[in-house]
Amino acid sequence: MYERILVPLDGSKVGEAALPMIEELIARFSSATQVEVILLQVISQLSHWVVAGETGARVPYTEKELDMLRQEALSYLEQAGETLRTHGARATTIVRFGNPADEIIKLCEEMSVNMIAMSTHGRSGLSRWAFGSITEKVLRSGIAPTLTVRAPQGTENE
Protein backbone atom coordinates (compact mmCIF):
# COMPACT_ATOMS: atom_id res chain seq x y z
CA MET A 1 0.00 0.00 0.00
CA TYR A 2 1.04 3.62 -0.52
CA GLU A 3 2.13 5.06 2.80
CA ARG A 4 3.76 8.31 1.73
CA ILE A 5 1.92 10.36 -0.89
CA LEU A 6 3.21 13.62 -2.37
CA VAL A 7 0.63 16.18 -3.50
CA PRO A 8 2.14 19.25 -5.19
CA LEU A 9 -0.15 22.28 -4.97
CA ASP A 10 0.17 25.67 -6.64
CA GLY A 11 -2.44 27.60 -4.67
CA SER A 12 -5.17 27.34 -7.30
CA LYS A 13 -8.45 25.40 -7.45
CA VAL A 14 -7.06 23.62 -10.51
CA GLY A 15 -4.06 22.50 -8.49
CA GLU A 16 -6.32 21.12 -5.76
CA ALA A 17 -8.17 18.74 -8.10
CA ALA A 18 -6.23 15.72 -6.81
CA LEU A 19 -7.11 16.32 -3.14
CA PRO A 20 -10.59 14.71 -3.20
CA MET A 21 -9.11 11.61 -4.83
CA ILE A 22 -6.49 11.35 -2.08
CA GLU A 23 -9.15 11.83 0.61
CA GLU A 24 -11.14 8.97 -0.92
CA LEU A 25 -8.03 6.79 -1.14
CA ILE A 26 -7.15 7.46 2.51
CA ALA A 27 -10.68 6.60 3.60
CA ARG A 28 -10.27 3.16 1.97
CA PHE A 29 -7.04 2.32 3.82
CA SER A 30 -7.33 0.06 6.84
CA SER A 31 -7.04 1.76 10.19
CA ALA A 32 -3.69 -0.01 10.70
CA THR A 33 -2.14 1.78 7.71
CA GLN A 34 -0.35 4.98 8.56
CA VAL A 35 -0.57 7.45 5.68
CA GLU A 36 1.54 10.57 5.37
CA VAL A 37 0.47 13.09 2.76
CA ILE A 38 3.18 15.57 1.89
CA LEU A 39 1.73 18.83 0.61
CA LEU A 40 4.32 20.72 -1.41
CA GLN A 41 4.27 24.17 -2.89
CA VAL A 42 7.16 25.32 -5.05
CA ILE A 43 7.60 29.04 -5.45
CA SER A 44 9.18 29.58 -8.83
CA GLN A 45 8.96 33.35 -9.18
CA LEU A 46 12.00 34.66 -7.31
CA SER A 47 11.82 38.19 -8.68
CA HIS A 48 9.26 40.83 -9.60
CA TRP A 49 9.00 43.79 -11.92
CA VAL A 50 9.48 47.32 -10.69
CA VAL A 51 8.13 49.92 -13.09
CA ALA A 52 8.86 53.64 -13.00
CA GLY A 53 7.27 55.57 -15.82
CA GLU A 54 8.05 53.73 -19.04
CA THR A 55 11.06 51.89 -17.61
CA GLY A 56 10.88 48.55 -15.86
CA ALA A 57 13.43 46.28 -14.27
CA ARG A 58 13.30 42.77 -12.85
CA VAL A 59 14.32 42.87 -9.17
CA PRO A 60 15.00 39.82 -6.98
CA TYR A 61 12.81 39.43 -3.91
CA THR A 62 14.47 40.37 -0.64
CA GLU A 63 14.92 37.77 2.12
CA LYS A 64 12.01 39.38 3.96
CA GLU A 65 9.76 39.12 0.89
CA LEU A 66 10.80 35.49 0.32
CA ASP A 67 10.03 34.71 3.96
CA MET A 68 6.61 36.31 3.56
CA LEU A 69 5.95 34.21 0.43
CA ARG A 70 7.02 31.09 2.35
CA GLN A 71 4.70 31.90 5.27
CA GLU A 72 1.75 32.50 2.93
CA ALA A 73 2.42 29.19 1.19
CA LEU A 74 2.72 27.31 4.50
CA SER A 75 -0.56 28.82 5.70
CA TYR A 76 -2.28 27.74 2.47
CA LEU A 77 -0.84 24.20 2.72
CA GLU A 78 -1.90 23.86 6.37
CA GLN A 79 -5.44 24.81 5.41
CA ALA A 80 -5.40 22.37 2.48
CA GLY A 81 -4.25 19.59 4.83
CA GLU A 82 -7.10 19.97 7.35
CA THR A 83 -9.49 17.64 5.51
CA LEU A 84 -6.76 15.06 5.06
CA ARG A 85 -6.13 15.09 8.80
CA THR A 86 -9.82 14.48 9.50
CA HIS A 87 -9.51 11.34 7.37
CA GLY A 88 -6.70 10.11 9.61
CA ALA A 89 -3.70 11.05 7.48
CA ARG A 90 -0.64 12.84 8.74
CA ALA A 91 -0.26 15.97 6.61
CA THR A 92 3.23 17.41 6.26
CA THR A 93 3.72 20.79 4.59
CA ILE A 94 6.83 21.80 2.67
CA VAL A 95 7.65 24.96 0.72
CA ARG A 96 10.57 25.09 -1.69
CA PHE A 97 11.95 27.63 -4.14
CA GLY A 98 12.98 26.77 -7.70
CA ASN A 99 11.77 24.84 -10.72
CA PRO A 100 8.55 23.01 -9.74
CA ALA A 101 9.19 19.77 -11.66
CA ASP A 102 12.79 19.53 -10.44
CA GLU A 103 11.80 20.20 -6.82
CA ILE A 104 8.99 17.61 -6.95
CA ILE A 105 11.39 14.97 -8.28
CA LYS A 106 14.08 15.87 -5.70
CA LEU A 107 11.61 15.67 -2.82
CA CYS A 108 10.40 12.26 -4.00
CA GLU A 109 13.96 10.96 -3.83
CA GLU A 110 14.69 12.58 -0.46
CA MET A 111 11.53 11.33 1.27
CA SER A 112 11.09 7.93 -0.43
CA VAL A 113 7.66 8.85 -1.70
CA ASN A 114 5.48 5.89 -2.70
CA MET A 115 3.06 7.84 -4.88
CA ILE A 116 2.58 11.29 -6.40
CA ALA A 117 -0.90 12.72 -6.91
CA MET A 118 -1.18 15.87 -8.95
CA SER A 119 -3.64 17.69 -11.10
CA THR A 120 -3.19 18.64 -14.69
CA HIS A 121 -4.44 21.83 -16.29
CA GLY A 122 -5.39 19.86 -19.39
CA ARG A 123 -3.43 21.98 -21.83
CA SER A 124 -2.50 20.58 -25.18
CA GLY A 125 -0.89 21.68 -28.41
CA LEU A 126 0.68 25.13 -28.57
CA SER A 127 -0.46 26.08 -25.06
CA ARG A 128 1.30 23.05 -23.58
CA TRP A 129 4.44 23.78 -25.60
CA ALA A 130 4.48 27.43 -24.55
CA PHE A 131 3.85 26.85 -20.85
CA GLY A 132 5.49 23.43 -20.46
CA SER A 133 3.94 20.76 -18.36
CA ILE A 134 5.14 20.15 -14.84
CA THR A 135 2.96 17.06 -14.65
CA GLU A 136 4.44 15.67 -17.85
CA LYS A 137 8.02 16.23 -16.64
CA VAL A 138 7.25 14.46 -13.35
CA LEU A 139 5.56 11.58 -15.18
CA ARG A 140 8.51 11.17 -17.54
CA SER A 141 10.93 11.03 -14.61
CA GLY A 142 9.44 7.71 -13.53
CA ILE A 143 10.43 8.56 -9.95
CA ALA A 144 7.20 7.14 -8.44
CA PRO A 145 3.76 5.95 -9.54
CA THR A 146 1.82 9.10 -10.38
CA LEU A 147 -1.92 9.66 -10.21
CA THR A 148 -2.98 12.55 -12.43
CA VAL A 149 -6.35 14.19 -12.06
CA ARG A 150 -7.68 16.55 -14.67
CA ALA A 151 -9.16 19.67 -13.16
CA PRO A 152 -12.95 19.98 -13.49
CA GLN A 153 -14.28 22.24 -16.24
CA GLY A 154 -14.68 25.83 -15.13
CA THR A 155 -11.70 25.90 -12.75
CA GLU A 156 -9.08 26.79 -15.36
CA ASN A 157 -9.04 30.47 -14.40
CA GLU A 158 -9.09 30.00 -10.63
C-alpha atoms as a PDB file:
ATOM      1  CA  MET A   1       0.000   0.000   0.000  1.00  0.00           C
ATOM      2  CA  TYR A   2       1.036   3.624  -0.515  1.00  0.00           C
ATOM      3  CA  GLU A   3       2.134   5.057   2.796  1.00  0.00           C
ATOM      4  CA  ARG A   4       3.757   8.311   1.726  1.00  0.00           C
ATOM      5  CA  ILE A   5       1.920  10.363  -0.891  1.00  0.00           C
ATOM      6  CA  LEU A   6       3.207  13.622  -2.369  1.00  0.00           C
ATOM      7  CA  VAL A   7       0.632  16.176  -3.503  1.00  0.00           C
ATOM      8  CA  PRO A   8       2.144  19.245  -5.189  1.00  0.00           C
ATOM      9  CA  LEU A   9      -0.148  22.283  -4.974  1.00  0.00           C
ATOM     10  CA  ASP A  10       0.169  25.672  -6.638  1.00  0.00           C
ATOM     11  CA  GLY A  11      -2.443  27.605  -4.669  1.00  0.00           C
ATOM     12  CA  SER A  12      -5.169  27.335  -7.305  1.00  0.00           C
ATOM     13  CA  LYS A  13      -8.453  25.399  -7.448  1.00  0.00           C
ATOM     14  CA  VAL A  14      -7.059  23.625 -10.514  1.00  0.00           C
ATOM     15  CA  GLY A  15      -4.057  22.502  -8.493  1.00  0.00           C
ATOM     16  CA  GLU A  16      -6.322  21.124  -5.756  1.00  0.00           C
ATOM     17  CA  ALA A  17      -8.170  18.741  -8.100  1.00  0.00           C
ATOM     18  CA  ALA A  18      -6.227  15.724  -6.809  1.00  0.00           C
ATOM     19  CA  LEU A  19      -7.107  16.321  -3.141  1.00  0.00           C
ATOM     20  CA  PRO A  20     -10.595  14.715  -3.205  1.00  0.00           C
ATOM     21  CA  MET A  21      -9.106  11.607  -4.832  1.00  0.00           C
ATOM     22  CA  ILE A  22      -6.489  11.353  -2.085  1.00  0.00           C
ATOM     23  CA  GLU A  23      -9.145  11.832   0.611  1.00  0.00           C
ATOM     24  CA  GLU A  24     -11.139   8.972  -0.921  1.00  0.00           C
ATOM     25  CA  LEU A  25      -8.030   6.786  -1.140  1.00  0.00           C
ATOM     26  CA  ILE A  26      -7.152   7.457   2.508  1.00  0.00           C
ATOM     27  CA  ALA A  27     -10.684   6.602   3.596  1.00  0.00           C
ATOM     28  CA  ARG A  28     -10.273   3.161   1.974  1.00  0.00           C
ATOM     29  CA  PHE A  29      -7.041   2.317   3.821  1.00  0.00           C
ATOM     30  CA  SER A  30      -7.331   0.057   6.838  1.00  0.00           C
ATOM     31  CA  SER A  31      -7.045   1.765  10.190  1.00  0.00           C
ATOM     32  CA  ALA A  32      -3.693  -0.015  10.703  1.00  0.00           C
ATOM     33  CA  THR A  33      -2.144   1.776   7.711  1.00  0.00           C
ATOM     34  CA  GLN A  34      -0.351   4.981   8.559  1.00  0.00           C
ATOM     35  CA  VAL A  35      -0.565   7.451   5.677  1.00  0.00           C
ATOM     36  CA  GLU A  36       1.541  10.569   5.367  1.00  0.00           C
ATOM     37  CA  VAL A  37       0.469  13.086   2.756  1.00  0.00           C
ATOM     38  CA  ILE A  38       3.183  15.566   1.886  1.00  0.00           C
ATOM     39  CA  LEU A  39       1.733  18.830   0.613  1.00  0.00           C
ATOM     40  CA  LEU A  40       4.324  20.716  -1.407  1.00  0.00           C
ATOM     41  CA  GLN A  41       4.265  24.174  -2.889  1.00  0.00           C
ATOM     42  CA  VAL A  42       7.161  25.316  -5.046  1.00  0.00           C
ATOM     43  CA  ILE A  43       7.599  29.041  -5.451  1.00  0.00           C
ATOM     44  CA  SER A  44       9.180  29.578  -8.833  1.00  0.00           C
ATOM     45  CA  GLN A  45       8.962  33.353  -9.176  1.00  0.00           C
ATOM     46  CA  LEU A  46      12.003  34.659  -7.312  1.00  0.00           C
ATOM     47  CA  SER A  47      11.822  38.187  -8.675  1.00  0.00           C
ATOM     48  CA  HIS A  48       9.259  40.827  -9.599  1.00  0.00           C
ATOM     49  CA  TRP A  49       9.002  43.793 -11.921  1.00  0.00           C
ATOM     50  CA  VAL A  50       9.484  47.325 -10.688  1.00  0.00           C
ATOM     51  CA  VAL A  51       8.135  49.917 -13.090  1.00  0.00           C
ATOM     52  CA  ALA A  52       8.863  53.639 -12.996  1.00  0.00           C
ATOM     53  CA  GLY A  53       7.273  55.569 -15.820  1.00  0.00           C
ATOM     54  CA  GLU A  54       8.046  53.731 -19.037  1.00  0.00           C
ATOM     55  CA  THR A  55      11.057  51.887 -17.614  1.00  0.00           C
ATOM     56  CA  GLY A  56      10.880  48.552 -15.861  1.00  0.00           C
ATOM     57  CA  ALA A  57      13.426  46.281 -14.268  1.00  0.00           C
ATOM     58  CA  ARG A  58      13.305  42.771 -12.847  1.00  0.00           C
ATOM     59  CA  VAL A  59      14.322  42.868  -9.167  1.00  0.00           C
ATOM     60  CA  PRO A  60      14.998  39.820  -6.979  1.00  0.00           C
ATOM     61  CA  TYR A  61      12.807  39.434  -3.910  1.00  0.00           C
ATOM     62  CA  THR A  62      14.473  40.374  -0.640  1.00  0.00           C
ATOM     63  CA  GLU A  63      14.922  37.770   2.122  1.00  0.00           C
ATOM     64  CA  LYS A  64      12.013  39.380   3.964  1.00  0.00           C
ATOM     65  CA  GLU A  65       9.762  39.122   0.886  1.00  0.00           C
ATOM     66  CA  LEU A  66      10.802  35.492   0.321  1.00  0.00           C
ATOM     67  CA  ASP A  67      10.026  34.710   3.957  1.00  0.00           C
ATOM     68  CA  MET A  68       6.607  36.314   3.561  1.00  0.00           C
ATOM     69  CA  LEU A  69       5.949  34.210   0.433  1.00  0.00           C
ATOM     70  CA  ARG A  70       7.021  31.086   2.347  1.00  0.00           C
ATOM     71  CA  GLN A  71       4.704  31.896   5.272  1.00  0.00           C
ATOM     72  CA  GLU A  72       1.750  32.498   2.933  1.00  0.00           C
ATOM     73  CA  ALA A  73       2.424  29.192   1.191  1.00  0.00           C
ATOM     74  CA  LEU A  74       2.717  27.313   4.504  1.00  0.00           C
ATOM     75  CA  SER A  75      -0.559  28.818   5.696  1.00  0.00           C
ATOM     76  CA  TYR A  76      -2.278  27.742   2.469  1.00  0.00           C
ATOM     77  CA  LEU A  77      -0.838  24.203   2.720  1.00  0.00           C
ATOM     78  CA  GLU A  78      -1.897  23.861   6.372  1.00  0.00           C
ATOM     79  CA  GLN A  79      -5.438  24.807   5.405  1.00  0.00           C
ATOM     80  CA  ALA A  80      -5.399  22.368   2.477  1.00  0.00           C
ATOM     81  CA  GLY A  81      -4.254  19.588   4.835  1.00  0.00           C
ATOM     82  CA  GLU A  82      -7.100  19.966   7.349  1.00  0.00           C
ATOM     83  CA  THR A  83      -9.494  17.645   5.512  1.00  0.00           C
ATOM     84  CA  LEU A  84      -6.758  15.058   5.058  1.00  0.00           C
ATOM     85  CA  ARG A  85      -6.131  15.093   8.798  1.00  0.00           C
ATOM     86  CA  THR A  86      -9.823  14.482   9.504  1.00  0.00           C
ATOM     87  CA  HIS A  87      -9.514  11.337   7.373  1.00  0.00           C
ATOM     88  CA  GLY A  88      -6.697  10.108   9.605  1.00  0.00           C
ATOM     89  CA  ALA A  89      -3.699  11.045   7.483  1.00  0.00           C
ATOM     90  CA  ARG A  90      -0.645  12.839   8.743  1.00  0.00           C
ATOM     91  CA  ALA A  91      -0.262  15.969   6.608  1.00  0.00           C
ATOM     92  CA  THR A  92       3.230  17.411   6.259  1.00  0.00           C
ATOM     93  CA  THR A  93       3.716  20.789   4.587  1.00  0.00           C
ATOM     94  CA  ILE A  94       6.831  21.804   2.670  1.00  0.00           C
ATOM     95  CA  VAL A  95       7.651  24.960   0.725  1.00  0.00           C
ATOM     96  CA  ARG A  96      10.568  25.093  -1.686  1.00  0.00           C
ATOM     97  CA  PHE A  97      11.947  27.634  -4.142  1.00  0.00           C
ATOM     98  CA  GLY A  98      12.982  26.767  -7.698  1.00  0.00           C
ATOM     99  CA  ASN A  99      11.767  24.838 -10.720  1.00  0.00           C
ATOM    100  CA  PRO A 100       8.546  23.010  -9.740  1.00  0.00           C
ATOM    101  CA  ALA A 101       9.189  19.772 -11.660  1.00  0.00           C
ATOM    102  CA  ASP A 102      12.786  19.532 -10.435  1.00  0.00           C
ATOM    103  CA  GLU A 103      11.795  20.195  -6.816  1.00  0.00           C
ATOM    104  CA  ILE A 104       8.991  17.606  -6.950  1.00  0.00           C
ATOM    105  CA  ILE A 105      11.394  14.974  -8.278  1.00  0.00           C
ATOM    106  CA  LYS A 106      14.082  15.868  -5.699  1.00  0.00           C
ATOM    107  CA  LEU A 107      11.614  15.671  -2.825  1.00  0.00           C
ATOM    108  CA  CYS A 108      10.401  12.265  -4.003  1.00  0.00           C
ATOM    109  CA  GLU A 109      13.955  10.955  -3.829  1.00  0.00           C
ATOM    110  CA  GLU A 110      14.688  12.577  -0.459  1.00  0.00           C
ATOM    111  CA  MET A 111      11.530  11.330   1.265  1.00  0.00           C
ATOM    112  CA  SER A 112      11.095   7.934  -0.428  1.00  0.00           C
ATOM    113  CA  VAL A 113       7.656   8.847  -1.705  1.00  0.00           C
ATOM    114  CA  ASN A 114       5.476   5.886  -2.699  1.00  0.00           C
ATOM    115  CA  MET A 115       3.057   7.836  -4.875  1.00  0.00           C
ATOM    116  CA  ILE A 116       2.576  11.289  -6.396  1.00  0.00           C
ATOM    117  CA  ALA A 117      -0.904  12.717  -6.913  1.00  0.00           C
ATOM    118  CA  MET A 118      -1.180  15.868  -8.950  1.00  0.00           C
ATOM    119  CA  SER A 119      -3.641  17.693 -11.099  1.00  0.00           C
ATOM    120  CA  THR A 120      -3.190  18.645 -14.685  1.00  0.00           C
ATOM    121  CA  HIS A 121      -4.435  21.830 -16.291  1.00  0.00           C
ATOM    122  CA  GLY A 122      -5.391  19.862 -19.386  1.00  0.00           C
ATOM    123  CA  ARG A 123      -3.430  21.983 -21.829  1.00  0.00           C
ATOM    124  CA  SER A 124      -2.496  20.583 -25.180  1.00  0.00           C
ATOM    125  CA  GLY A 125      -0.893  21.676 -28.406  1.00  0.00           C
ATOM    126  CA  LEU A 126       0.684  25.125 -28.572  1.00  0.00           C
ATOM    127  CA  SER A 127      -0.456  26.081 -25.062  1.00  0.00           C
ATOM    128  CA  ARG A 128       1.298  23.047 -23.583  1.00  0.00           C
ATOM    129  CA  TRP A 129       4.440  23.779 -25.596  1.00  0.00           C
ATOM    130  CA  ALA A 130       4.480  27.433 -24.548  1.00  0.00           C
ATOM    131  CA  PHE A 131       3.849  26.848 -20.845  1.00  0.00           C
ATOM    132  CA  GLY A 132       5.487  23.433 -20.464  1.00  0.00           C
ATOM    133  CA  SER A 133       3.939  20.756 -18.355  1.00  0.00           C
ATOM    134  CA  ILE A 134       5.145  20.146 -14.839  1.00  0.00           C
ATOM    135  CA  THR A 135       2.957  17.060 -14.651  1.00  0.00           C
ATOM    136  CA  GLU A 136       4.440  15.674 -17.852  1.00  0.00           C
ATOM    137  CA  LYS A 137       8.017  16.227 -16.638  1.00  0.00           C
ATOM    138  CA  VAL A 138       7.253  14.457 -13.353  1.00  0.00           C
ATOM    139  CA  LEU A 139       5.559  11.580 -15.181  1.00  0.00           C
ATOM    140  CA  ARG A 140       8.506  11.172 -17.545  1.00  0.00           C
ATOM    141  CA  SER A 141      10.929  11.035 -14.609  1.00  0.00           C
ATOM    142  CA  GLY A 142       9.436   7.711 -13.526  1.00  0.00           C
ATOM    143  CA  ILE A 143      10.426   8.559  -9.948  1.00  0.00           C
ATOM    144  CA  ALA A 144       7.201   7.145  -8.437  1.00  0.00           C
ATOM    145  CA  PRO A 145       3.760   5.954  -9.545  1.00  0.00           C
ATOM    146  CA  THR A 146       1.817   9.102 -10.382  1.00  0.00           C
ATOM    147  CA  LEU A 147      -1.921   9.663 -10.209  1.00  0.00           C
ATOM    148  CA  THR A 148      -2.976  12.546 -12.432  1.00  0.00           C
ATOM    149  CA  VAL A 149      -6.355  14.187 -12.062  1.00  0.00           C
ATOM    150  CA  ARG A 150      -7.682  16.549 -14.667  1.00  0.00           C
ATOM    151  CA  ALA A 151      -9.163  19.669 -13.158  1.00  0.00           C
ATOM    152  CA  PRO A 152     -12.951  19.984 -13.494  1.00  0.00           C
ATOM    153  CA  GLN A 153     -14.284  22.235 -16.237  1.00  0.00           C
ATOM    154  CA  GLY A 154     -14.680  25.834 -15.134  1.00  0.00           C
ATOM    155  CA  THR A 155     -11.699  25.901 -12.753  1.00  0.00           C
ATOM    156  CA  GLU A 156      -9.083  26.791 -15.365  1.00  0.00           C
ATOM    157  CA  ASN A 157      -9.044  30.472 -14.404  1.00  0.00           C
ATOM    158  CA  GLU A 158      -9.094  29.996 -10.628  1.00  0.00           C
END
